């Protein structure tokens, strides 16, 4: 790799980290500290931005070649993925109202556990015994972290666990539904088609479940115009999370991406504790470290089984 190429990749990774951690912290600030208690509406803003920016990036900027939907069946598959994806984002945002970022990151690290379970049930794909054995510390770590979390909230925990499971389900479903060569889409094209479907689903959900959220947001904006800038910046960050994730994926190896992903979670935990100063316990941190260790062992076991 040339020095200039290395520098470009490093910058991509920094942007990836910044956008991921930034949107996570800003979500927490808006939903918990600022008092904007409307996670469905916030997710709708995210998906609206993803719809708009994805279209501009693909159609006008041509970051990736545009891939077209070839049949109603393919569209129905994409719509299914969109609903699951939408549920995972909403659940994750809801959990941030009740739990510190550090704990949600610990729970989110159990994604491989749910992925392995769904893959086993839905595709009958079996991993080696050692691979399943590495999932024990993944789950045990979260149990320990839960017991040691000073700000533990059961409803928030259930929502966070639901978001993690939904992310894993979306990954497995994507492999099943878009498995044929003619239906495969890169992540940016998939986002361009999924995001508008998510917006259509979220609009009635926000209007029904978060009564008068539009009127409340307008009233808030009249009192404090910063809320509009928060929402706009947060929504733009939500898109750049997907864009930078795609770019880092194509500019690094699978192993490098795995290591960077694990490190990103740890960085998010440290930064969130420094910013929000939420109390942490030794037990909670030990549980989180055990979970991350399990995730690393799981990745290594899967790699050796290939």
C-alpha atoms as a PDB file:
ATOM      1  CA  UNK A   1       0.000   0.000   0.000  1.00  0.00           C
ATOM      2  CA  UNK A   2       1.399   3.426  -0.993  1.00  0.00           C
ATOM      3  CA  UNK A   3       1.886   6.093   1.730  1.00  0.00           C
ATOM      4  CA  UNK A   4      -0.829   8.273   0.187  1.00  0.00           C
ATOM      5  CA  UNK A   5      -3.181   5.300   0.131  1.00  0.00           C
ATOM      6  CA  UNK A   6      -2.353   4.522   3.771  1.00  0.00           C
ATOM      7  CA  UNK A   7      -3.040   8.132   4.735  1.00  0.00           C
ATOM      8  CA  UNK A   8      -6.391   8.014   2.909  1.00  0.00           C
ATOM      9  CA  UNK A   9      -7.370   4.793   4.694  1.00  0.00           C
ATOM     10  CA  UNK A  10      -6.380   6.238   8.084  1.00  0.00           C
ATOM     11  CA  UNK A  11      -8.529   9.304   7.412  1.00  0.00           C
ATOM     12  CA  UNK A  12     -11.442   7.054   6.442  1.00  0.00           C
ATOM     13  CA  UNK A  13     -11.095   5.119   9.694  1.00  0.00           C
ATOM     14  CA  UNK A  14     -10.993   8.356  11.702  1.00  0.00           C
ATOM     15  CA  UNK A  15     -14.156   9.599   9.924  1.00  0.00           C
ATOM     16  CA  UNK A  16     -15.776   6.199  10.538  1.00  0.00           C
ATOM     17  CA  UNK A  17     -14.978   6.331  14.246  1.00  0.00           C
ATOM     18  CA  UNK A  18     -16.027   9.968  14.543  1.00  0.00           C
ATOM     19  CA  UNK A  19     -19.393   9.515  12.796  1.00  0.00           C
ATOM     20  CA  UNK A  20     -20.227   6.283  14.658  1.00  0.00           C
ATOM     21  CA  UNK A  21     -19.356   7.597  18.093  1.00  0.00           C
ATOM     22  CA  UNK A  22     -20.713  11.066  17.287  1.00  0.00           C
ATOM     23  CA  UNK A  23     -24.192   9.887  16.288  1.00  0.00           C
ATOM     24  CA  UNK A  24     -24.316   7.574  19.300  1.00  0.00           C
ATOM     25  CA  UNK A  25     -23.393  10.325  21.764  1.00  0.00           C
ATOM     26  CA  UNK A  26     -25.677  12.889  20.131  1.00  0.00           C
ATOM     27  CA  UNK A  27     -28.574  10.415  20.208  1.00  0.00           C
ATOM     28  CA  UNK A  28     -27.933   9.911  23.922  1.00  0.00           C
ATOM     29  CA  UNK A  29     -27.734  13.652  24.526  1.00  0.00           C
ATOM     30  CA  UNK A  30     -30.968  14.402  22.662  1.00  0.00           C
ATOM     31  CA  UNK A  31     -33.003  11.520  24.065  1.00  0.00           C
ATOM     32  CA  UNK A  32     -31.759  11.639  27.634  1.00  0.00           C
ATOM     33  CA  UNK A  33     -29.943  14.833  28.595  1.00  0.00           C
ATOM     34  CA  UNK A  34     -31.674  17.340  26.310  1.00  0.00           C
ATOM     35  CA  UNK A  35     -35.092  15.799  26.942  1.00  0.00           C
ATOM     36  CA  UNK A  36     -36.172  15.188  23.337  1.00  0.00           C
ATOM     37  CA  UNK A  37     -37.977  11.943  24.198  1.00  0.00           C
ATOM     38  CA  UNK A  38     -39.085  10.912  20.709  1.00  0.00           C
ATOM     39  CA  UNK A  39     -36.893   8.045  19.448  1.00  0.00           C
ATOM     40  CA  UNK A  40     -39.261   7.081  16.595  1.00  0.00           C
ATOM     41  CA  UNK A  41     -39.315  10.619  15.204  1.00  0.00           C
ATOM     42  CA  UNK A  42     -35.533  10.836  15.619  1.00  0.00           C
ATOM     43  CA  UNK A  43     -35.113   7.596  13.668  1.00  0.00           C
ATOM     44  CA  UNK A  44     -37.445   8.958  10.982  1.00  0.00           C
ATOM     45  CA  UNK A  45     -35.157  11.996  10.637  1.00  0.00           C
ATOM     46  CA  UNK A  46     -32.189   9.640  10.262  1.00  0.00           C
ATOM     47  CA  UNK A  47     -33.888   7.570   7.566  1.00  0.00           C
ATOM     48  CA  UNK A  48     -35.034  10.688   5.690  1.00  0.00           C
ATOM     49  CA  UNK A  49     -31.451  11.942   5.578  1.00  0.00           C
ATOM     50  CA  UNK A  50     -30.224   8.508   4.460  1.00  0.00           C
ATOM     51  CA  UNK A  51     -32.809   8.505   1.647  1.00  0.00           C
ATOM     52  CA  UNK A  52     -31.791  11.945   0.399  1.00  0.00           C
ATOM     53  CA  UNK A  53     -28.006  11.627   0.766  1.00  0.00           C
ATOM     54  CA  UNK A  54     -27.930   8.089  -0.662  1.00  0.00           C
ATOM     55  CA  UNK A  55     -29.745   9.239  -3.785  1.00  0.00           C
ATOM     56  CA  UNK A  56     -27.406  12.224  -4.238  1.00  0.00           C
ATOM     57  CA  UNK A  57     -24.275  10.106  -3.616  1.00  0.00           C
ATOM     58  CA  UNK A  58     -25.267   7.379  -6.078  1.00  0.00           C
ATOM     59  CA  UNK A  59     -27.183   9.224  -8.807  1.00  0.00           C
ATOM     60  CA  UNK A  60     -25.260  12.518  -8.930  1.00  0.00           C
ATOM     61  CA  UNK A  61     -21.872  11.953  -7.269  1.00  0.00           C
ATOM     62  CA  UNK A  62     -21.656   8.362  -8.562  1.00  0.00           C
ATOM     63  CA  UNK A  63     -19.779   7.090  -5.500  1.00  0.00           C
ATOM     64  CA  UNK A  64     -20.924   3.607  -6.513  1.00  0.00           C
ATOM     65  CA  UNK A  65     -22.711   2.422  -9.671  1.00  0.00           C
ATOM     66  CA  UNK A  66     -26.478   2.485  -9.342  1.00  0.00           C
ATOM     67  CA  UNK A  67     -28.115  -0.944  -9.074  1.00  0.00           C
ATOM     68  CA  UNK A  68     -31.779  -1.229 -10.024  1.00  0.00           C
ATOM     69  CA  UNK A  69     -34.518  -3.322  -8.445  1.00  0.00           C
ATOM     70  CA  UNK A  70     -35.441  -5.970 -11.006  1.00  0.00           C
ATOM     71  CA  UNK A  71     -38.695  -7.399  -9.657  1.00  0.00           C
ATOM     72  CA  UNK A  72     -41.503  -6.964  -7.155  1.00  0.00           C
ATOM     73  CA  UNK A  73     -40.212  -9.990  -5.296  1.00  0.00           C
ATOM     74  CA  UNK A  74     -36.819  -8.351  -4.860  1.00  0.00           C
ATOM     75  CA  UNK A  75     -38.514  -5.160  -3.643  1.00  0.00           C
ATOM     76  CA  UNK A  76     -40.589  -7.134  -1.113  1.00  0.00           C
ATOM     77  CA  UNK A  77     -37.377  -8.691   0.206  1.00  0.00           C
ATOM     78  CA  UNK A  78     -35.775  -5.259   0.561  1.00  0.00           C
ATOM     79  CA  UNK A  79     -38.915  -3.969   2.308  1.00  0.00           C
ATOM     80  CA  UNK A  80     -38.717  -6.864   4.786  1.00  0.00           C
ATOM     81  CA  UNK A  81     -35.100  -6.027   5.549  1.00  0.00           C
ATOM     82  CA  UNK A  82     -36.059  -2.374   5.940  1.00  0.00           C
ATOM     83  CA  UNK A  83     -38.707  -3.149   8.571  1.00  0.00           C
ATOM     84  CA  UNK A  84     -36.263  -5.255  10.600  1.00  0.00           C
ATOM     85  CA  UNK A  85     -33.551  -2.599  10.227  1.00  0.00           C
ATOM     86  CA  UNK A  86     -36.020   0.093  11.246  1.00  0.00           C
ATOM     87  CA  UNK A  87     -37.032  -1.853  14.362  1.00  0.00           C
ATOM     88  CA  UNK A  88     -33.382  -2.302  15.376  1.00  0.00           C
ATOM     89  CA  UNK A  89     -32.616   1.435  15.090  1.00  0.00           C
ATOM     90  CA  UNK A  90     -35.765   2.506  16.952  1.00  0.00           C
ATOM     91  CA  UNK A  91     -35.150  -0.040  19.725  1.00  0.00           C
ATOM     92  CA  UNK A  92     -31.543   1.103  20.027  1.00  0.00           C
ATOM     93  CA  UNK A  93     -32.611   4.742  20.290  1.00  0.00           C
ATOM     94  CA  UNK A  94     -35.284   3.888  22.878  1.00  0.00           C
ATOM     95  CA  UNK A  95     -32.684   2.085  25.002  1.00  0.00           C
ATOM     96  CA  UNK A  96     -30.504   5.222  25.058  1.00  0.00           C
ATOM     97  CA  UNK A  97     -33.251   7.020  26.978  1.00  0.00           C
ATOM     98  CA  UNK A  98     -32.841   4.623  29.887  1.00  0.00           C
ATOM     99  CA  UNK A  99     -29.292   3.270  29.756  1.00  0.00           C
ATOM    100  CA  UNK A 100     -25.793   4.775  29.558  1.00  0.00           C
ATOM    101  CA  UNK A 101     -23.930   4.421  26.267  1.00  0.00           C
ATOM    102  CA  UNK A 102     -21.252   2.290  27.913  1.00  0.00           C
ATOM    103  CA  UNK A 103     -23.784  -0.390  28.875  1.00  0.00           C
ATOM    104  CA  UNK A 104     -25.579  -0.370  25.502  1.00  0.00           C
ATOM    105  CA  UNK A 105     -22.208  -0.987  23.846  1.00  0.00           C
ATOM    106  CA  UNK A 106     -21.651  -3.997  26.104  1.00  0.00           C
ATOM    107  CA  UNK A 107     -25.037  -5.443  25.141  1.00  0.00           C
ATOM    108  CA  UNK A 108     -24.478  -4.594  21.468  1.00  0.00           C
ATOM    109  CA  UNK A 109     -21.268  -6.622  21.502  1.00  0.00           C
ATOM    110  CA  UNK A 110     -23.398  -9.786  21.806  1.00  0.00           C
ATOM    111  CA  UNK A 111     -24.458  -9.474  18.142  1.00  0.00           C
ATOM    112  CA  UNK A 112     -22.365 -12.545  17.148  1.00  0.00           C
ATOM    113  CA  UNK A 113     -24.349 -14.650  19.631  1.00  0.00           C
ATOM    114  CA  UNK A 114     -27.674 -13.747  18.021  1.00  0.00           C
ATOM    115  CA  UNK A 115     -26.219 -14.054  14.516  1.00  0.00           C
ATOM    116  CA  UNK A 116     -25.044 -17.597  15.269  1.00  0.00           C
ATOM    117  CA  UNK A 117     -28.450 -18.544  16.734  1.00  0.00           C
ATOM    118  CA  UNK A 118     -30.464 -17.113  13.823  1.00  0.00           C
ATOM    119  CA  UNK A 119     -28.112 -18.646  11.252  1.00  0.00           C
ATOM    120  CA  UNK A 120     -28.468 -22.042  12.946  1.00  0.00           C
ATOM    121  CA  UNK A 121     -32.281 -21.859  13.123  1.00  0.00           C
ATOM    122  CA  UNK A 122     -33.010 -20.233   9.759  1.00  0.00           C
ATOM    123  CA  UNK A 123     -30.325 -21.676   7.497  1.00  0.00           C
ATOM    124  CA  UNK A 124     -29.484 -24.840   9.453  1.00  0.00           C
ATOM    125  CA  UNK A 125     -25.870 -23.692   9.228  1.00  0.00           C
ATOM    126  CA  UNK A 126     -23.818 -25.308  11.979  1.00  0.00           C
ATOM    127  CA  UNK A 127     -20.570 -23.958  13.348  1.00  0.00           C
ATOM    128  CA  UNK A 128     -17.900 -26.020  15.080  1.00  0.00           C
ATOM    129  CA  UNK A 129     -18.207 -26.834  18.785  1.00  0.00           C
ATOM    130  CA  UNK A 130     -15.306 -24.510  19.660  1.00  0.00           C
ATOM    131  CA  UNK A 131     -17.027 -21.635  17.839  1.00  0.00           C
ATOM    132  CA  UNK A 132     -20.193 -22.064  19.903  1.00  0.00           C
ATOM    133  CA  UNK A 133     -18.078 -22.446  23.039  1.00  0.00           C
ATOM    134  CA  UNK A 134     -16.590 -18.972  22.483  1.00  0.00           C
ATOM    135  CA  UNK A 135     -20.104 -17.517  22.745  1.00  0.00           C
ATOM    136  CA  UNK A 136     -20.221 -18.475  26.437  1.00  0.00           C
ATOM    137  CA  UNK A 137     -17.979 -15.572  27.573  1.00  0.00           C
ATOM    138  CA  UNK A 138     -19.916 -13.239  25.225  1.00  0.00           C
ATOM    139  CA  UNK A 139     -23.179 -13.913  27.070  1.00  0.00           C
ATOM    140  CA  UNK A 140     -21.577 -14.337  30.504  1.00  0.00           C
ATOM    141  CA  UNK A 141     -19.884 -10.959  30.182  1.00  0.00           C
ATOM    142  CA  UNK A 142     -23.199  -9.186  29.565  1.00  0.00           C
ATOM    143  CA  UNK A 143     -24.793 -10.969  32.532  1.00  0.00           C
ATOM    144  CA  UNK A 144     -21.920  -9.802  34.750  1.00  0.00           C
ATOM    145  CA  UNK A 145     -22.063  -6.279  33.287  1.00  0.00           C
ATOM    146  CA  UNK A 146     -25.831  -6.142  33.921  1.00  0.00           C
ATOM    147  CA  UNK A 147     -25.356  -7.097  37.565  1.00  0.00           C
ATOM    148  CA  UNK A 148     -22.685  -4.460  37.981  1.00  0.00           C
ATOM    149  CA  UNK A 149     -24.421  -1.621  36.091  1.00  0.00           C
ATOM    150  CA  UNK A 150     -25.341   1.196  38.570  1.00  0.00           C
ATOM    151  CA  UNK A 151     -27.920   2.669  36.145  1.00  0.00           C
ATOM    152  CA  UNK A 152     -29.487  -0.629  35.027  1.00  0.00           C
ATOM    153  CA  UNK A 153     -33.065  -0.334  33.720  1.00  0.00           C
ATOM    154  CA  UNK A 154     -34.992  -3.462  32.730  1.00  0.00           C
ATOM    155  CA  UNK A 155     -37.080  -1.842  29.984  1.00  0.00           C
ATOM    156  CA  UNK A 156     -33.995  -0.191  28.486  1.00  0.00           C
ATOM    157  CA  UNK A 157     -32.149  -3.508  28.674  1.00  0.00           C
ATOM    158  CA  UNK A 158     -34.965  -5.320  26.837  1.00  0.00           C
ATOM    159  CA  UNK A 159     -34.986  -2.635  24.122  1.00  0.00           C
ATOM    160  CA  UNK A 160     -31.203  -2.785  23.755  1.00  0.00           C
ATOM    161  CA  UNK A 161     -31.291  -6.584  23.563  1.00  0.00           C
ATOM    162  CA  UNK A 162     -34.086  -6.350  20.964  1.00  0.00           C
ATOM    163  CA  UNK A 163     -32.039  -3.907  18.874  1.00  0.00           C
ATOM    164  CA  UNK A 164     -29.015  -6.231  19.004  1.00  0.00           C
ATOM    165  CA  UNK A 165     -31.098  -9.263  18.024  1.00  0.00           C
ATOM    166  CA  UNK A 166     -32.760  -7.322  15.179  1.00  0.00           C
ATOM    167  CA  UNK A 167     -29.362  -6.272  13.784  1.00  0.00           C
ATOM    168  CA  UNK A 168     -28.273  -9.907  13.766  1.00  0.00           C
ATOM    169  CA  UNK A 169     -31.571 -10.992  12.190  1.00  0.00           C
ATOM    170  CA  UNK A 170     -31.168  -8.401   9.426  1.00  0.00           C
ATOM    171  CA  UNK A 171     -27.677  -9.738   8.648  1.00  0.00           C
ATOM    172  CA  UNK A 172     -28.923 -13.331   8.387  1.00  0.00           C
ATOM    173  CA  UNK A 173     -32.053 -12.348   6.420  1.00  0.00           C
ATOM    174  CA  UNK A 174     -29.960 -10.320   3.989  1.00  0.00           C
ATOM    175  CA  UNK A 175     -27.844 -13.385   3.280  1.00  0.00           C
ATOM    176  CA  UNK A 176     -30.988 -15.476   2.689  1.00  0.00           C
ATOM    177  CA  UNK A 177     -33.196 -13.015   0.791  1.00  0.00           C
ATOM    178  CA  UNK A 178     -30.571 -11.411  -1.438  1.00  0.00           C
ATOM    179  CA  UNK A 179     -28.414 -14.468  -2.032  1.00  0.00           C
ATOM    180  CA  UNK A 180     -28.738 -14.828  -5.808  1.00  0.00           C
ATOM    181  CA  UNK A 181     -26.254 -12.961  -7.999  1.00  0.00           C
ATOM    182  CA  UNK A 182     -29.033 -11.030  -9.737  1.00  0.00           C
ATOM    183  CA  UNK A 183     -30.428  -9.707  -6.449  1.00  0.00           C
ATOM    184  CA  UNK A 184     -27.282  -8.811  -4.545  1.00  0.00           C
ATOM    185  CA  UNK A 185     -26.877  -5.106  -3.766  1.00  0.00           C
ATOM    186  CA  UNK A 186     -23.925  -3.284  -2.266  1.00  0.00           C
ATOM    187  CA  UNK A 187     -24.612  -1.672   1.095  1.00  0.00           C
ATOM    188  CA  UNK A 188     -25.025   1.848  -0.315  1.00  0.00           C
ATOM    189  CA  UNK A 189     -27.611   0.847  -2.923  1.00  0.00           C
ATOM    190  CA  UNK A 190     -29.393  -1.288  -0.349  1.00  0.00           C
ATOM    191  CA  UNK A 191     -29.563   1.701   2.011  1.00  0.00           C
ATOM    192  CA  UNK A 192     -30.925   3.909  -0.801  1.00  0.00           C
ATOM    193  CA  UNK A 193     -33.854   1.515  -1.285  1.00  0.00           C
ATOM    194  CA  UNK A 194     -34.362   0.595   2.377  1.00  0.00           C
ATOM    195  CA  UNK A 195     -34.391   4.108   3.834  1.00  0.00           C
ATOM    196  CA  UNK A 196     -37.543   5.405   2.022  1.00  0.00           C
ATOM    197  CA  UNK A 197     -39.454   2.243   3.026  1.00  0.00           C
ATOM    198  CA  UNK A 198     -38.368   2.875   6.629  1.00  0.00           C
ATOM    199  CA  UNK A 199     -39.598   6.483   6.431  1.00  0.00           C
ATOM    200  CA  UNK A 200     -43.010   5.312   5.168  1.00  0.00           C
ATOM    201  CA  UNK A 201     -43.244   2.916   8.129  1.00  0.00           C
ATOM    202  CA  UNK A 202     -41.995   5.443  10.689  1.00  0.00           C
ATOM    203  CA  UNK A 203     -44.262   8.378   9.784  1.00  0.00           C
ATOM    204  CA  UNK A 204     -47.519   6.759  10.998  1.00  0.00           C
ATOM    205  CA  UNK A 205     -45.680   5.122  13.927  1.00  0.00           C
ATOM    206  CA  UNK A 206     -44.353   8.500  15.097  1.00  0.00           C
ATOM    207  CA  UNK A 207     -47.702  10.253  14.642  1.00  0.00           C
ATOM    208  CA  UNK A 208     -49.603   7.539  16.544  1.00  0.00           C
ATOM    209  CA  UNK A 209     -47.124   6.548  19.258  1.00  0.00           C
ATOM    210  CA  UNK A 210     -45.509   9.959  19.802  1.00  0.00           C
ATOM    211  CA  UNK A 211     -48.606  12.128  19.827  1.00  0.00           C
ATOM    212  CA  UNK A 212     -48.200  15.641  18.403  1.00  0.00           C
ATOM    213  CA  UNK A 213     -44.440  15.142  18.002  1.00  0.00           C
ATOM    214  CA  UNK A 214     -44.320  17.565  15.048  1.00  0.00           C
ATOM    215  CA  UNK A 215     -46.086  20.309  17.007  1.00  0.00           C
ATOM    216  CA  UNK A 216     -43.857  19.708  20.033  1.00  0.00           C
ATOM    217  CA  UNK A 217     -40.720  19.864  17.871  1.00  0.00           C
ATOM    218  CA  UNK A 218     -41.866  23.144  16.293  1.00  0.00           C
ATOM    219  CA  UNK A 219     -42.622  24.561  19.755  1.00  0.00           C
ATOM    220  CA  UNK A 220     -39.187  23.479  20.974  1.00  0.00           C
ATOM    221  CA  UNK A 221     -37.565  25.097  17.945  1.00  0.00           C
ATOM    222  CA  UNK A 222     -39.287  28.398  18.741  1.00  0.00           C
ATOM    223  CA  UNK A 223     -37.880  28.293  22.267  1.00  0.00           C
ATOM    224  CA  UNK A 224     -34.462  26.964  21.307  1.00  0.00           C
ATOM    225  CA  UNK A 225     -33.452  26.972  17.636  1.00  0.00           C
ATOM    226  CA  UNK A 226     -30.501  24.720  18.445  1.00  0.00           C
ATOM    227  CA  UNK A 227     -32.805  21.685  18.377  1.00  0.00           C
ATOM    228  CA  UNK A 228     -33.164  22.036  14.594  1.00  0.00           C
ATOM    229  CA  UNK A 229     -29.396  22.125  14.138  1.00  0.00           C
ATOM    230  CA  UNK A 230     -29.022  19.126  16.455  1.00  0.00           C
ATOM    231  CA  UNK A 231     -31.555  17.145  14.419  1.00  0.00           C
ATOM    232  CA  UNK A 232     -30.034  18.152  11.069  1.00  0.00           C
ATOM    233  CA  UNK A 233     -26.473  17.408  12.154  1.00  0.00           C
ATOM    234  CA  UNK A 234     -27.497  14.164  13.840  1.00  0.00           C
ATOM    235  CA  UNK A 235     -29.387  13.000  10.756  1.00  0.00           C
ATOM    236  CA  UNK A 236     -26.445  13.819   8.479  1.00  0.00           C
ATOM    237  CA  UNK A 237     -24.140  11.867  10.814  1.00  0.00           C
ATOM    238  CA  UNK A 238     -26.479   8.876  10.601  1.00  0.00           C
ATOM    239  CA  UNK A 239     -25.880   8.765   6.853  1.00  0.00           C
ATOM    240  CA  UNK A 240     -22.119   9.226   7.153  1.00  0.00           C
ATOM    241  CA  UNK A 241     -22.007   6.239   9.529  1.00  0.00           C
ATOM    242  CA  UNK A 242     -23.211   4.077   6.631  1.00  0.00           C
ATOM    243  CA  UNK A 243     -21.034   5.797   4.022  1.00  0.00           C
ATOM    244  CA  UNK A 244     -17.800   5.571   6.020  1.00  0.00           C
ATOM    245  CA  UNK A 245     -18.565   1.971   7.035  1.00  0.00           C
ATOM    246  CA  UNK A 246     -18.883   1.088   3.330  1.00  0.00           C
ATOM    247  CA  UNK A 247     -15.673   2.910   2.376  1.00  0.00           C
ATOM    248  CA  UNK A 248     -13.655   1.403   5.238  1.00  0.00           C
ATOM    249  CA  UNK A 249     -14.937  -2.060   4.294  1.00  0.00           C
ATOM    250  CA  UNK A 250     -13.655  -1.797   0.721  1.00  0.00           C
ATOM    251  CA  UNK A 251     -10.313  -0.240   1.743  1.00  0.00           C
ATOM    252  CA  UNK A 252      -9.377  -2.707   4.508  1.00  0.00           C
ATOM    253  CA  UNK A 253      -9.317  -6.464   4.980  1.00  0.00           C
ATOM    254  CA  UNK A 254     -12.031  -8.416   6.796  1.00  0.00           C
ATOM    255  CA  UNK A 255      -9.665  -9.037   9.724  1.00  0.00           C
ATOM    256  CA  UNK A 256      -8.713  -5.358   9.993  1.00  0.00           C
ATOM    257  CA  UNK A 257     -12.386  -4.386   9.943  1.00  0.00           C
ATOM    258  CA  UNK A 258     -13.117  -6.882  12.735  1.00  0.00           C
ATOM    259  CA  UNK A 259     -10.337  -5.488  14.922  1.00  0.00           C
ATOM    260  CA  UNK A 260     -11.345  -1.884  14.203  1.00  0.00           C
ATOM    261  CA  UNK A 261     -14.981  -2.670  15.005  1.00  0.00           C
ATOM    262  CA  UNK A 262     -14.101  -4.164  18.388  1.00  0.00           C
ATOM    263  CA  UNK A 263     -11.823  -1.235  19.186  1.00  0.00           C
ATOM    264  CA  UNK A 264     -14.536   1.233  18.134  1.00  0.00           C
ATOM    265  CA  UNK A 265     -16.890  -0.137  20.782  1.00  0.00           C
ATOM    266  CA  UNK A 266     -14.227   0.261  23.462  1.00  0.00           C
ATOM    267  CA  UNK A 267     -13.472   3.835  22.335  1.00  0.00           C
ATOM    268  CA  UNK A 268     -17.202   4.680  22.426  1.00  0.00           C
ATOM    269  CA  UNK A 269     -17.421   3.367  25.993  1.00  0.00           C
ATOM    270  CA  UNK A 270     -14.460   5.472  27.189  1.00  0.00           C
ATOM    271  CA  UNK A 271     -15.600   8.648  25.388  1.00  0.00           C
ATOM    272  CA  UNK A 272     -19.199   8.328  26.652  1.00  0.00           C
ATOM    273  CA  UNK A 273     -18.027   7.898  30.258  1.00  0.00           C
ATOM    274  CA  UNK A 274     -15.768  10.965  29.961  1.00  0.00           C
ATOM    275  CA  UNK A 275     -18.569  13.099  28.454  1.00  0.00           C
ATOM    276  CA  UNK A 276     -21.644  11.979  30.390  1.00  0.00           C
ATOM    277  CA  UNK A 277     -19.753  10.939  33.528  1.00  0.00           C
ATOM    278  CA  UNK A 278     -22.122   8.072  34.203  1.00  0.00           C
ATOM    279  CA  UNK A 279     -21.034   5.901  37.133  1.00  0.00           C
ATOM    280  CA  UNK A 280     -19.294   2.640  36.247  1.00  0.00           C
ATOM    281  CA  UNK A 281     -18.349  -0.289  38.431  1.00  0.00           C
ATOM    282  CA  UNK A 282     -15.369  -2.614  38.293  1.00  0.00           C
ATOM    283  CA  UNK A 283     -17.810  -5.515  37.884  1.00  0.00           C
ATOM    284  CA  UNK A 284     -19.458  -3.821  34.899  1.00  0.00           C
ATOM    285  CA  UNK A 285     -16.146  -3.128  33.174  1.00  0.00           C
ATOM    286  CA  UNK A 286     -14.936  -6.683  33.791  1.00  0.00           C
ATOM    287  CA  UNK A 287     -18.156  -7.973  32.248  1.00  0.00           C
ATOM    288  CA  UNK A 288     -17.686  -5.767  29.184  1.00  0.00           C
ATOM    289  CA  UNK A 289     -14.054  -6.895  28.789  1.00  0.00           C
ATOM    290  CA  UNK A 290     -15.142 -10.541  29.032  1.00  0.00           C
ATOM    291  CA  UNK A 291     -17.753  -9.986  26.309  1.00  0.00           C
ATOM    292  CA  UNK A 292     -15.214  -8.346  23.978  1.00  0.00           C
ATOM    293  CA  UNK A 293     -12.763 -11.181  24.642  1.00  0.00           C
ATOM    294  CA  UNK A 294     -15.499 -13.654  23.696  1.00  0.00           C
ATOM    295  CA  UNK A 295     -16.236 -11.742  20.478  1.00  0.00           C
ATOM    296  CA  UNK A 296     -12.538 -11.823  19.506  1.00  0.00           C
ATOM    297  CA  UNK A 297     -12.317 -15.561  20.238  1.00  0.00           C
ATOM    298  CA  UNK A 298     -15.525 -16.154  18.252  1.00  0.00           C
ATOM    299  CA  UNK A 299     -14.125 -14.288  15.232  1.00  0.00           C
ATOM    300  CA  UNK A 300     -10.877 -16.234  15.447  1.00  0.00           C
ATOM    301  CA  UNK A 301     -12.715 -19.577  15.712  1.00  0.00           C
ATOM    302  CA  UNK A 302     -14.889 -18.756  12.685  1.00  0.00           C
ATOM    303  CA  UNK A 303     -11.840 -17.753  10.665  1.00  0.00           C
ATOM    304  CA  UNK A 304     -10.109 -21.064  11.420  1.00  0.00           C
ATOM    305  CA  UNK A 305     -13.211 -23.048  10.466  1.00  0.00           C
ATOM    306  CA  UNK A 306     -13.314 -21.525   6.965  1.00  0.00           C
END
